[in-house]
């Protein structure tokens, strides 16, 4: 196993209440709802497209964040990456959310 360089592209931070756990998993890109539907700058989408393209089969970390609404994932941060993933024909993307259930 060879060492691979690590780079941090984006600061995606959110407050995690005490007793909660942050979980990650893959979500079907067609089961995502955008929490923010404001206009997007073409340059921001193009930059996200280039990042997703360069990653290939790998996923970006930190990953987009959101919350579950039944079986739909509501994306609160990462809409440019979602658009780029759809444009590139990806079917799934790595996301994170706060699980308000009890931790360990």
C-alpha atoms as a PDB file:
ATOM      1  CA  UNK A   1       0.000   0.000   0.000  1.00  0.00           C
ATOM      2  CA  UNK A   2       1.598   3.266  -1.072  1.00  0.00           C
ATOM      3  CA  UNK A   3       1.278   6.542   0.783  1.00  0.00           C
ATOM      4  CA  UNK A   4      -1.051   9.018  -0.869  1.00  0.00           C
ATOM      5  CA  UNK A   5      -0.960  12.783  -0.433  1.00  0.00           C
ATOM      6  CA  UNK A   6      -3.701  14.334   1.638  1.00  0.00           C
ATOM      7  CA  UNK A   7      -5.123  17.719   0.797  1.00  0.00           C
ATOM      8  CA  UNK A   8      -7.886  19.712   2.395  1.00  0.00           C
ATOM      9  CA  UNK A   9      -9.966  21.579  -0.158  1.00  0.00           C
ATOM     10  CA  UNK A  10     -12.891  22.995   1.795  1.00  0.00           C
ATOM     11  CA  UNK A  11     -13.757  23.954   5.367  1.00  0.00           C
ATOM     12  CA  UNK A  12     -17.139  22.368   6.028  1.00  0.00           C
ATOM     13  CA  UNK A  13     -17.798  22.781   9.709  1.00  0.00           C
ATOM     14  CA  UNK A  14     -20.910  22.410  11.811  1.00  0.00           C
ATOM     15  CA  UNK A  15     -21.672  22.349  15.519  1.00  0.00           C
ATOM     16  CA  UNK A  16     -22.171  18.890  16.981  1.00  0.00           C
ATOM     17  CA  UNK A  17     -24.309  18.906  20.128  1.00  0.00           C
ATOM     18  CA  UNK A  18     -23.067  16.901  23.113  1.00  0.00           C
ATOM     19  CA  UNK A  19     -24.151  13.263  22.976  1.00  0.00           C
ATOM     20  CA  UNK A  20     -24.574  13.247  19.201  1.00  0.00           C
ATOM     21  CA  UNK A  21     -22.538  11.366  16.627  1.00  0.00           C
ATOM     22  CA  UNK A  22     -21.450  12.472  13.161  1.00  0.00           C
ATOM     23  CA  UNK A  23     -22.083   9.761  10.593  1.00  0.00           C
ATOM     24  CA  UNK A  24     -21.038   9.419   6.982  1.00  0.00           C
ATOM     25  CA  UNK A  25     -22.382   7.336   4.160  1.00  0.00           C
ATOM     26  CA  UNK A  26     -23.116   7.237   0.480  1.00  0.00           C
ATOM     27  CA  UNK A  27     -26.372   8.642  -0.831  1.00  0.00           C
ATOM     28  CA  UNK A  28     -28.000   8.200  -4.233  1.00  0.00           C
ATOM     29  CA  UNK A  29     -27.596  11.572  -6.000  1.00  0.00           C
ATOM     30  CA  UNK A  30     -31.221  11.349  -7.148  1.00  0.00           C
ATOM     31  CA  UNK A  31     -32.459  11.073  -3.548  1.00  0.00           C
ATOM     32  CA  UNK A  32     -31.024  14.471  -2.591  1.00  0.00           C
ATOM     33  CA  UNK A  33     -32.919  17.708  -2.014  1.00  0.00           C
ATOM     34  CA  UNK A  34     -31.068  21.021  -1.923  1.00  0.00           C
ATOM     35  CA  UNK A  35     -31.757  23.055   1.217  1.00  0.00           C
ATOM     36  CA  UNK A  36     -30.484  26.223  -0.490  1.00  0.00           C
ATOM     37  CA  UNK A  37     -32.015  26.938  -3.882  1.00  0.00           C
ATOM     38  CA  UNK A  38     -30.459  30.324  -4.490  1.00  0.00           C
ATOM     39  CA  UNK A  39     -28.655  31.023  -7.731  1.00  0.00           C
ATOM     40  CA  UNK A  40     -25.223  29.487  -8.146  1.00  0.00           C
ATOM     41  CA  UNK A  41     -22.261  31.208  -9.738  1.00  0.00           C
ATOM     42  CA  UNK A  42     -21.047  29.472 -12.885  1.00  0.00           C
ATOM     43  CA  UNK A  43     -17.440  29.744 -11.676  1.00  0.00           C
ATOM     44  CA  UNK A  44     -18.273  27.952  -8.402  1.00  0.00           C
ATOM     45  CA  UNK A  45     -19.943  25.091 -10.267  1.00  0.00           C
ATOM     46  CA  UNK A  46     -16.991  24.897 -12.682  1.00  0.00           C
ATOM     47  CA  UNK A  47     -14.514  24.736  -9.774  1.00  0.00           C
ATOM     48  CA  UNK A  48     -16.536  21.965  -8.101  1.00  0.00           C
ATOM     49  CA  UNK A  49     -16.721  20.120 -11.428  1.00  0.00           C
ATOM     50  CA  UNK A  50     -12.927  20.197 -11.749  1.00  0.00           C
ATOM     51  CA  UNK A  51     -12.463  18.922  -8.172  1.00  0.00           C
ATOM     52  CA  UNK A  52     -14.897  16.037  -8.641  1.00  0.00           C
ATOM     53  CA  UNK A  53     -13.345  15.219 -12.016  1.00  0.00           C
ATOM     54  CA  UNK A  54      -9.826  15.155 -10.541  1.00  0.00           C
ATOM     55  CA  UNK A  55     -10.898  12.909  -7.664  1.00  0.00           C
ATOM     56  CA  UNK A  56     -12.078  10.190 -10.045  1.00  0.00           C
ATOM     57  CA  UNK A  57     -13.509   7.316  -7.983  1.00  0.00           C
ATOM     58  CA  UNK A  58     -12.387   8.893  -4.690  1.00  0.00           C
ATOM     59  CA  UNK A  59     -14.517  11.225  -2.584  1.00  0.00           C
ATOM     60  CA  UNK A  60     -13.756  14.654  -1.190  1.00  0.00           C
ATOM     61  CA  UNK A  61     -13.184  15.169   2.529  1.00  0.00           C
ATOM     62  CA  UNK A  62     -14.683  16.874   4.377  1.00  0.00           C
ATOM     63  CA  UNK A  63     -17.774  15.759   2.532  1.00  0.00           C
ATOM     64  CA  UNK A  64     -21.052  17.657   1.992  1.00  0.00           C
ATOM     65  CA  UNK A  65     -23.334  17.901   5.012  1.00  0.00           C
ATOM     66  CA  UNK A  66     -27.061  17.736   5.567  1.00  0.00           C
ATOM     67  CA  UNK A  67     -29.799  15.798   7.281  1.00  0.00           C
ATOM     68  CA  UNK A  68     -32.204  12.990   6.524  1.00  0.00           C
ATOM     69  CA  UNK A  69     -35.896  13.599   5.847  1.00  0.00           C
ATOM     70  CA  UNK A  70     -37.267  10.068   5.677  1.00  0.00           C
ATOM     71  CA  UNK A  71     -35.470   8.565   2.648  1.00  0.00           C
ATOM     72  CA  UNK A  72     -34.406  11.911   1.116  1.00  0.00           C
ATOM     73  CA  UNK A  73     -31.125  13.557   2.088  1.00  0.00           C
ATOM     74  CA  UNK A  74     -31.476  17.340   2.440  1.00  0.00           C
ATOM     75  CA  UNK A  75     -28.118  18.827   1.463  1.00  0.00           C
ATOM     76  CA  UNK A  76     -27.284  21.971   3.426  1.00  0.00           C
ATOM     77  CA  UNK A  77     -23.650  22.384   2.329  1.00  0.00           C
ATOM     78  CA  UNK A  78     -22.208  20.968  -0.872  1.00  0.00           C
ATOM     79  CA  UNK A  79     -24.715  21.829  -3.591  1.00  0.00           C
ATOM     80  CA  UNK A  80     -21.972  22.731  -6.083  1.00  0.00           C
ATOM     81  CA  UNK A  81     -20.376  19.339  -5.546  1.00  0.00           C
ATOM     82  CA  UNK A  82     -23.771  17.661  -5.968  1.00  0.00           C
ATOM     83  CA  UNK A  83     -24.355  19.447  -9.289  1.00  0.00           C
ATOM     84  CA  UNK A  84     -20.855  18.479 -10.438  1.00  0.00           C
ATOM     85  CA  UNK A  85     -21.447  14.834  -9.459  1.00  0.00           C
ATOM     86  CA  UNK A  86     -24.680  14.727 -11.454  1.00  0.00           C
ATOM     87  CA  UNK A  87     -22.987  16.420 -14.435  1.00  0.00           C
ATOM     88  CA  UNK A  88     -20.255  13.764 -14.388  1.00  0.00           C
ATOM     89  CA  UNK A  89     -22.769  10.900 -14.232  1.00  0.00           C
ATOM     90  CA  UNK A  90     -21.968   9.768 -10.699  1.00  0.00           C
ATOM     91  CA  UNK A  91     -24.761   7.829  -9.021  1.00  0.00           C
ATOM     92  CA  UNK A  92     -23.661   8.221  -5.379  1.00  0.00           C
ATOM     93  CA  UNK A  93     -21.770  10.700  -3.242  1.00  0.00           C
ATOM     94  CA  UNK A  94     -20.321  10.635   0.260  1.00  0.00           C
ATOM     95  CA  UNK A  95     -22.186  12.838   2.757  1.00  0.00           C
ATOM     96  CA  UNK A  96     -22.223  13.424   6.517  1.00  0.00           C
ATOM     97  CA  UNK A  97     -24.973  14.155   9.031  1.00  0.00           C
ATOM     98  CA  UNK A  98     -25.509  14.447  12.775  1.00  0.00           C
ATOM     99  CA  UNK A  99     -27.169  11.470  14.411  1.00  0.00           C
ATOM    100  CA  UNK A 100     -29.091  12.754  17.415  1.00  0.00           C
ATOM    101  CA  UNK A 101     -29.363   9.254  18.864  1.00  0.00           C
ATOM    102  CA  UNK A 102     -27.143   8.228  21.730  1.00  0.00           C
ATOM    103  CA  UNK A 103     -23.453   7.873  21.063  1.00  0.00           C
ATOM    104  CA  UNK A 104     -21.292   5.167  22.588  1.00  0.00           C
END
